[in-house]
Amino acid sequence: MHHTSAARVAGAYLCCLIVVLAASCPSSRSYELESKDDIMHHCRHFMEKHLGNGEPHPHSKGCKFVRQANVAEICHEFTEADRAKIELWKWVKITRRCGNPLAVGHNCAGYVVQPPANRLM
């Protein structure tokens, strides 16, 4: 009987610990929104429509955010307002330049990622 009580106490403790840890961790969605906002801020000159087609330097702050981000999930976070301001093909180019590329064929907010143009057959 003593072992059963100890097991129940240990089980209750673990359940409480899981609840506390889950409550203290930021949600994935809020983290992705924050990442998207950081990327939109630091890479806007490379993604916006009607602006130059430059690329961020791989060691830039913008690329740092891109490397740390779940870029596929950020595609789901782009709003209609975001899509009205940016070119999604430029976002794909940025992910490649920064070393965290979207997969070829991935549907990013309605844009299907194509193979890089300079790819040799």
N, C-alpha and C. Protein backbone atom coordinates (compact mmCIF):
# COMPACT_ATOMS: atom_id res chain seq x y z
N MET A 1 0.82 -1.19 0.00
CA MET A 1 0.00 0.00 0.00
C MET A 1 0.87 1.26 0.00
N HIS A 2 2.01 1.21 0.69
CA HIS A 2 2.91 2.35 0.77
C HIS A 2 3.44 2.71 -0.61
N HIS A 3 3.78 1.70 -1.42
CA HIS A 3 4.30 1.97 -2.77
C HIS A 3 3.25 2.63 -3.65
N THR A 4 1.99 2.27 -3.48
CA THR A 4 0.91 2.86 -4.26
C THR A 4 0.76 4.34 -3.92
N SER A 5 0.85 4.68 -2.65
CA SER A 5 0.74 6.09 -2.24
C SER A 5 1.91 6.90 -2.78
N ALA A 6 3.10 6.33 -2.72
CA ALA A 6 4.28 7.03 -3.23
C ALA A 6 4.17 7.24 -4.74
N ALA A 7 3.65 6.24 -5.44
CA ALA A 7 3.48 6.36 -6.88
C ALA A 7 2.45 7.44 -7.22
N ARG A 8 1.38 7.51 -6.44
CA ARG A 8 0.36 8.53 -6.68
C ARG A 8 0.93 9.93 -6.45
N VAL A 9 1.70 10.08 -5.37
CA VAL A 9 2.30 11.37 -5.07
C VAL A 9 3.27 11.77 -6.19
N ALA A 10 4.09 10.82 -6.62
CA ALA A 10 5.04 11.10 -7.70
C ALA A 10 4.30 11.45 -8.99
N GLY A 11 3.23 10.73 -9.27
CA GLY A 11 2.43 11.01 -10.46
C GLY A 11 1.80 12.38 -10.41
N ALA A 12 1.25 12.74 -9.25
CA ALA A 12 0.64 14.05 -9.08
C ALA A 12 1.69 15.16 -9.23
N TYR A 13 2.87 14.92 -8.67
CA TYR A 13 3.95 15.90 -8.78
C TYR A 13 4.34 16.11 -10.25
N LEU A 14 4.49 15.01 -10.99
CA LEU A 14 4.85 15.13 -12.41
C LEU A 14 3.78 15.85 -13.21
N CYS A 15 2.52 15.57 -12.91
CA CYS A 15 1.43 16.27 -13.61
C CYS A 15 1.48 17.77 -13.34
N CYS A 16 1.70 18.14 -12.08
CA CYS A 16 1.80 19.56 -11.73
C CYS A 16 3.00 20.20 -12.42
N LEU A 17 4.11 19.49 -12.47
CA LEU A 17 5.31 20.01 -13.12
C LEU A 17 5.06 20.26 -14.61
N ILE A 18 4.39 19.33 -15.26
CA ILE A 18 4.09 19.48 -16.68
C ILE A 18 3.19 20.68 -16.91
N VAL A 19 2.18 20.85 -16.06
CA VAL A 19 1.26 21.99 -16.20
C VAL A 19 2.02 23.30 -16.02
N VAL A 20 2.89 23.37 -15.02
CA VAL A 20 3.65 24.59 -14.77
C VAL A 20 4.58 24.89 -15.94
N LEU A 21 5.27 23.88 -16.44
CA LEU A 21 6.17 24.10 -17.58
C LEU A 21 5.40 24.52 -18.82
N ALA A 22 4.28 23.90 -19.08
CA ALA A 22 3.48 24.26 -20.25
C ALA A 22 2.96 25.69 -20.14
N ALA A 23 2.57 26.10 -18.96
CA ALA A 23 2.04 27.45 -18.76
C ALA A 23 3.14 28.51 -18.87
N SER A 24 4.37 28.14 -18.52
CA SER A 24 5.44 29.13 -18.52
C SER A 24 6.11 29.29 -19.88
N CYS A 25 5.93 28.35 -20.79
CA CYS A 25 6.55 28.43 -22.12
C CYS A 25 5.71 29.31 -23.02
N PRO A 26 6.35 30.19 -23.79
CA PRO A 26 5.58 31.00 -24.74
C PRO A 26 4.98 30.09 -25.80
N SER A 27 3.83 30.44 -26.26
CA SER A 27 3.18 29.60 -27.27
C SER A 27 3.95 29.68 -28.57
N SER A 28 3.91 28.61 -29.31
CA SER A 28 4.59 28.56 -30.60
C SER A 28 4.04 29.62 -31.54
N ARG A 29 2.72 29.80 -31.53
CA ARG A 29 2.10 30.78 -32.43
C ARG A 29 2.58 32.19 -32.12
N SER A 30 2.63 32.57 -30.85
CA SER A 30 3.08 33.93 -30.53
C SER A 30 4.55 34.10 -30.88
N TYR A 31 5.35 33.03 -30.73
CA TYR A 31 6.76 33.10 -31.10
C TYR A 31 6.89 33.29 -32.61
N GLU A 32 6.10 32.54 -33.40
CA GLU A 32 6.16 32.67 -34.85
C GLU A 32 5.72 34.06 -35.31
N LEU A 33 4.69 34.60 -34.67
CA LEU A 33 4.24 35.95 -35.03
C LEU A 33 5.33 36.98 -34.73
N GLU A 34 6.00 36.80 -33.58
CA GLU A 34 7.09 37.70 -33.23
C GLU A 34 8.23 37.56 -34.24
N SER A 35 8.56 36.32 -34.62
CA SER A 35 9.60 36.10 -35.62
C SER A 35 9.22 36.74 -36.95
N LYS A 36 7.96 36.55 -37.36
CA LYS A 36 7.50 37.14 -38.62
C LYS A 36 7.63 38.65 -38.57
N ASP A 37 7.22 39.25 -37.46
CA ASP A 37 7.31 40.71 -37.33
C ASP A 37 8.76 41.19 -37.41
N ASP A 38 9.68 40.46 -36.74
CA ASP A 38 11.10 40.82 -36.80
C ASP A 38 11.63 40.72 -38.23
N ILE A 39 11.26 39.65 -38.92
CA ILE A 39 11.71 39.45 -40.30
C ILE A 39 11.12 40.52 -41.20
N MET A 40 9.83 40.80 -41.04
CA MET A 40 9.19 41.83 -41.87
C MET A 40 9.87 43.18 -41.65
N HIS A 41 10.31 43.45 -40.43
CA HIS A 41 10.97 44.72 -40.14
C HIS A 41 12.38 44.76 -40.75
N HIS A 42 13.17 43.73 -40.49
CA HIS A 42 14.57 43.75 -40.91
C HIS A 42 14.79 43.41 -42.38
N CYS A 43 13.84 42.74 -43.01
CA CYS A 43 14.02 42.33 -44.41
C CYS A 43 13.04 43.02 -45.35
N ARG A 44 12.31 44.00 -44.87
CA ARG A 44 11.25 44.61 -45.68
C ARG A 44 11.77 45.20 -47.00
N HIS A 45 12.98 45.75 -46.98
CA HIS A 45 13.53 46.36 -48.19
C HIS A 45 13.87 45.32 -49.26
N PHE A 46 13.95 44.08 -48.85
CA PHE A 46 14.27 43.01 -49.79
C PHE A 46 13.01 42.26 -50.25
N MET A 47 11.89 42.44 -49.53
CA MET A 47 10.66 41.70 -49.83
C MET A 47 9.55 42.56 -50.41
N GLU A 48 9.56 43.84 -50.10
CA GLU A 48 8.43 44.69 -50.49
C GLU A 48 8.31 44.81 -52.00
N LYS A 49 7.09 44.94 -52.45
CA LYS A 49 6.83 45.17 -53.87
C LYS A 49 7.35 46.55 -54.24
N HIS A 50 7.75 46.73 -55.47
CA HIS A 50 8.17 48.02 -56.02
C HIS A 50 9.47 48.55 -55.41
N LEU A 51 10.21 47.71 -54.70
CA LEU A 51 11.52 48.12 -54.18
C LEU A 51 12.59 47.28 -54.86
N GLY A 52 13.83 47.63 -54.62
CA GLY A 52 14.92 46.89 -55.23
C GLY A 52 14.88 45.41 -54.90
N ASN A 53 15.59 44.65 -55.69
CA ASN A 53 15.63 43.21 -55.51
C ASN A 53 16.90 42.76 -54.82
N GLY A 54 17.48 43.59 -53.98
CA GLY A 54 18.69 43.21 -53.29
C GLY A 54 18.46 42.02 -52.37
N GLU A 55 19.53 41.55 -51.81
CA GLU A 55 19.46 40.44 -50.87
C GLU A 55 20.16 40.84 -49.58
N PRO A 56 19.68 40.34 -48.45
CA PRO A 56 20.36 40.65 -47.19
C PRO A 56 21.71 39.95 -47.13
N HIS A 57 22.64 40.55 -46.43
CA HIS A 57 23.93 39.92 -46.21
C HIS A 57 23.70 38.72 -45.28
N PRO A 58 24.35 37.59 -45.54
CA PRO A 58 24.13 36.41 -44.70
C PRO A 58 24.38 36.64 -43.21
N HIS A 59 25.21 37.62 -42.87
CA HIS A 59 25.50 37.88 -41.45
C HIS A 59 24.67 39.04 -40.89
N SER A 60 23.68 39.49 -41.65
CA SER A 60 22.84 40.61 -41.20
C SER A 60 21.88 40.17 -40.10
N LYS A 61 21.34 41.16 -39.42
CA LYS A 61 20.35 40.89 -38.38
C LYS A 61 19.11 40.20 -38.97
N GLY A 62 18.70 40.63 -40.16
CA GLY A 62 17.55 40.00 -40.81
C GLY A 62 17.79 38.52 -41.05
N CYS A 63 18.97 38.17 -41.56
CA CYS A 63 19.28 36.76 -41.80
C CYS A 63 19.36 35.98 -40.49
N LYS A 64 19.81 36.62 -39.44
CA LYS A 64 19.83 35.95 -38.14
C LYS A 64 18.42 35.52 -37.76
N PHE A 65 17.45 36.41 -37.93
CA PHE A 65 16.06 36.07 -37.61
C PHE A 65 15.54 34.97 -38.54
N VAL A 66 15.90 35.04 -39.81
CA VAL A 66 15.44 34.03 -40.77
C VAL A 66 16.01 32.66 -40.41
N ARG A 67 17.29 32.60 -40.04
CA ARG A 67 17.91 31.32 -39.68
C ARG A 67 17.26 30.71 -38.44
N GLN A 68 16.82 31.53 -37.51
CA GLN A 68 16.22 31.03 -36.27
C GLN A 68 14.74 30.69 -36.41
N ALA A 69 14.13 31.12 -37.48
CA ALA A 69 12.68 31.00 -37.64
C ALA A 69 12.27 29.66 -38.26
N ASN A 70 11.03 29.29 -37.99
CA ASN A 70 10.39 28.19 -38.71
C ASN A 70 9.77 28.84 -39.94
N VAL A 71 10.54 28.89 -41.02
CA VAL A 71 10.13 29.66 -42.19
C VAL A 71 8.86 29.12 -42.84
N ALA A 72 8.66 27.81 -42.78
CA ALA A 72 7.43 27.23 -43.35
C ALA A 72 6.22 27.68 -42.55
N GLU A 73 6.36 27.77 -41.24
CA GLU A 73 5.24 28.21 -40.40
C GLU A 73 4.96 29.70 -40.62
N ILE A 74 6.00 30.48 -40.84
CA ILE A 74 5.81 31.91 -41.10
C ILE A 74 4.97 32.11 -42.36
N CYS A 75 5.12 31.23 -43.33
CA CYS A 75 4.27 31.31 -44.54
C CYS A 75 2.79 31.30 -44.16
N HIS A 76 2.44 30.51 -43.15
CA HIS A 76 1.04 30.43 -42.71
C HIS A 76 0.62 31.69 -41.96
N GLU A 77 1.58 32.43 -41.44
CA GLU A 77 1.28 33.63 -40.65
C GLU A 77 1.15 34.89 -41.50
N PHE A 78 1.55 34.83 -42.76
CA PHE A 78 1.41 36.01 -43.62
C PHE A 78 -0.08 36.33 -43.79
N THR A 79 -0.44 37.56 -43.49
CA THR A 79 -1.83 38.01 -43.61
C THR A 79 -2.07 38.55 -45.02
N GLU A 80 -3.33 38.85 -45.30
CA GLU A 80 -3.66 39.49 -46.59
C GLU A 80 -2.91 40.82 -46.71
N ALA A 81 -2.84 41.57 -45.61
CA ALA A 81 -2.13 42.86 -45.62
C ALA A 81 -0.64 42.65 -45.91
N ASP A 82 -0.04 41.62 -45.31
CA ASP A 82 1.37 41.31 -45.58
C ASP A 82 1.55 40.99 -47.06
N ARG A 83 0.69 40.12 -47.57
CA ARG A 83 0.81 39.68 -48.97
C ARG A 83 0.58 40.83 -49.95
N ALA A 84 -0.17 41.83 -49.54
CA ALA A 84 -0.37 43.00 -50.41
C ALA A 84 0.90 43.85 -50.49
N LYS A 85 1.77 43.74 -49.48
CA LYS A 85 2.98 44.56 -49.42
C LYS A 85 4.23 43.86 -49.95
N ILE A 86 4.25 42.53 -49.87
CA ILE A 86 5.48 41.80 -50.20
C ILE A 86 5.30 40.90 -51.42
N GLU A 87 6.44 40.54 -51.99
CA GLU A 87 6.49 39.54 -53.06
C GLU A 87 6.93 38.24 -52.41
N LEU A 88 6.11 37.20 -52.48
CA LEU A 88 6.46 35.94 -51.83
C LEU A 88 7.69 35.29 -52.46
N TRP A 89 7.90 35.49 -53.75
CA TRP A 89 9.10 34.92 -54.36
C TRP A 89 10.36 35.56 -53.78
N LYS A 90 10.26 36.82 -53.36
CA LYS A 90 11.40 37.48 -52.72
C LYS A 90 11.64 36.89 -51.33
N TRP A 91 10.56 36.53 -50.62
CA TRP A 91 10.69 35.86 -49.32
C TRP A 91 11.42 34.54 -49.50
N VAL A 92 11.07 33.78 -50.54
CA VAL A 92 11.73 32.51 -50.82
C VAL A 92 13.22 32.75 -51.07
N LYS A 93 13.53 33.77 -51.85
CA LYS A 93 14.93 34.12 -52.15
C LYS A 93 15.69 34.47 -50.87
N ILE A 94 15.06 35.18 -49.96
CA ILE A 94 15.69 35.55 -48.69
C ILE A 94 15.97 34.31 -47.85
N THR A 95 15.01 33.39 -47.79
CA THR A 95 15.23 32.17 -46.99
C THR A 95 16.43 31.40 -47.52
N ARG A 96 16.60 31.38 -48.83
CA ARG A 96 17.74 30.69 -49.44
C ARG A 96 19.04 31.42 -49.14
N ARG A 97 19.02 32.72 -49.30
CA ARG A 97 20.23 33.54 -49.08
C ARG A 97 20.70 33.43 -47.63
N CYS A 98 19.75 33.32 -46.71
CA CYS A 98 20.08 33.29 -45.29
C CYS A 98 20.36 31.88 -44.77
N GLY A 99 20.25 30.88 -45.63
CA GLY A 99 20.61 29.52 -45.22
C GLY A 99 19.52 28.73 -44.52
N ASN A 100 18.27 29.14 -44.67
CA ASN A 100 17.14 28.40 -44.09
C ASN A 100 16.04 28.31 -45.16
N PRO A 101 16.34 27.61 -46.27
CA PRO A 101 15.43 27.65 -47.41
C PRO A 101 14.12 26.90 -47.20
N LEU A 102 13.09 27.42 -47.84
CA LEU A 102 11.82 26.71 -47.92
C LEU A 102 11.99 25.57 -48.92
N ALA A 103 11.31 24.47 -48.67
CA ALA A 103 11.41 23.30 -49.56
C ALA A 103 10.76 23.60 -50.91
N VAL A 104 11.38 23.12 -51.96
CA VAL A 104 10.79 23.23 -53.29
C VAL A 104 9.45 22.51 -53.27
N GLY A 105 8.43 23.17 -53.81
CA GLY A 105 7.09 22.60 -53.84
C GLY A 105 6.22 23.02 -52.67
N HIS A 106 6.83 23.64 -51.64
CA HIS A 106 6.06 24.10 -50.48
C HIS A 106 5.12 25.22 -50.90
N ASN A 107 3.89 25.17 -50.41
CA ASN A 107 2.92 26.23 -50.68
C ASN A 107 3.06 27.28 -49.59
N CYS A 108 3.63 28.40 -49.95
CA CYS A 108 3.85 29.49 -49.00
C CYS A 108 2.82 30.58 -49.27
N ALA A 109 1.75 30.56 -48.50
CA ALA A 109 0.70 31.58 -48.61
C ALA A 109 0.17 31.73 -50.03
N GLY A 110 0.08 30.61 -50.74
CA GLY A 110 -0.44 30.63 -52.10
C GLY A 110 0.62 30.62 -53.18
N TYR A 111 1.88 30.81 -52.82
CA TYR A 111 2.98 30.76 -53.78
C TYR A 111 3.67 29.41 -53.64
N VAL A 112 3.77 28.65 -54.70
CA VAL A 112 4.45 27.36 -54.67
C VAL A 112 5.93 27.58 -54.96
N VAL A 113 6.77 27.16 -54.01
CA VAL A 113 8.22 27.39 -54.10
C VAL A 113 8.79 26.61 -55.28
N GLN A 114 9.49 27.34 -56.15
CA GLN A 114 10.11 26.78 -57.35
C GLN A 114 11.59 26.48 -57.07
N PRO A 115 12.20 25.59 -57.86
CA PRO A 115 13.64 25.36 -57.71
C PRO A 115 14.39 26.66 -58.01
N PRO A 116 15.58 26.82 -57.44
CA PRO A 116 16.37 28.03 -57.74
C PRO A 116 16.61 28.14 -59.24
N ALA A 117 16.60 29.35 -59.75
CA ALA A 117 16.74 29.60 -61.19
C ALA A 117 18.09 29.16 -61.73
N ASN A 118 19.13 29.24 -60.91
CA ASN A 118 20.48 28.92 -61.38
C ASN A 118 20.83 27.45 -61.17
N ARG A 119 19.86 26.63 -60.87
CA ARG A 119 20.09 25.21 -60.63
C ARG A 119 20.46 24.51 -61.94
N LEU A 120 21.53 23.75 -61.91
CA LEU A 120 21.98 23.04 -63.11
C LEU A 120 21.21 21.74 -63.24
N MET A 121 20.83 21.40 -64.44
CA MET A 121 20.08 20.16 -64.69
C MET A 121 21.02 19.03 -64.98
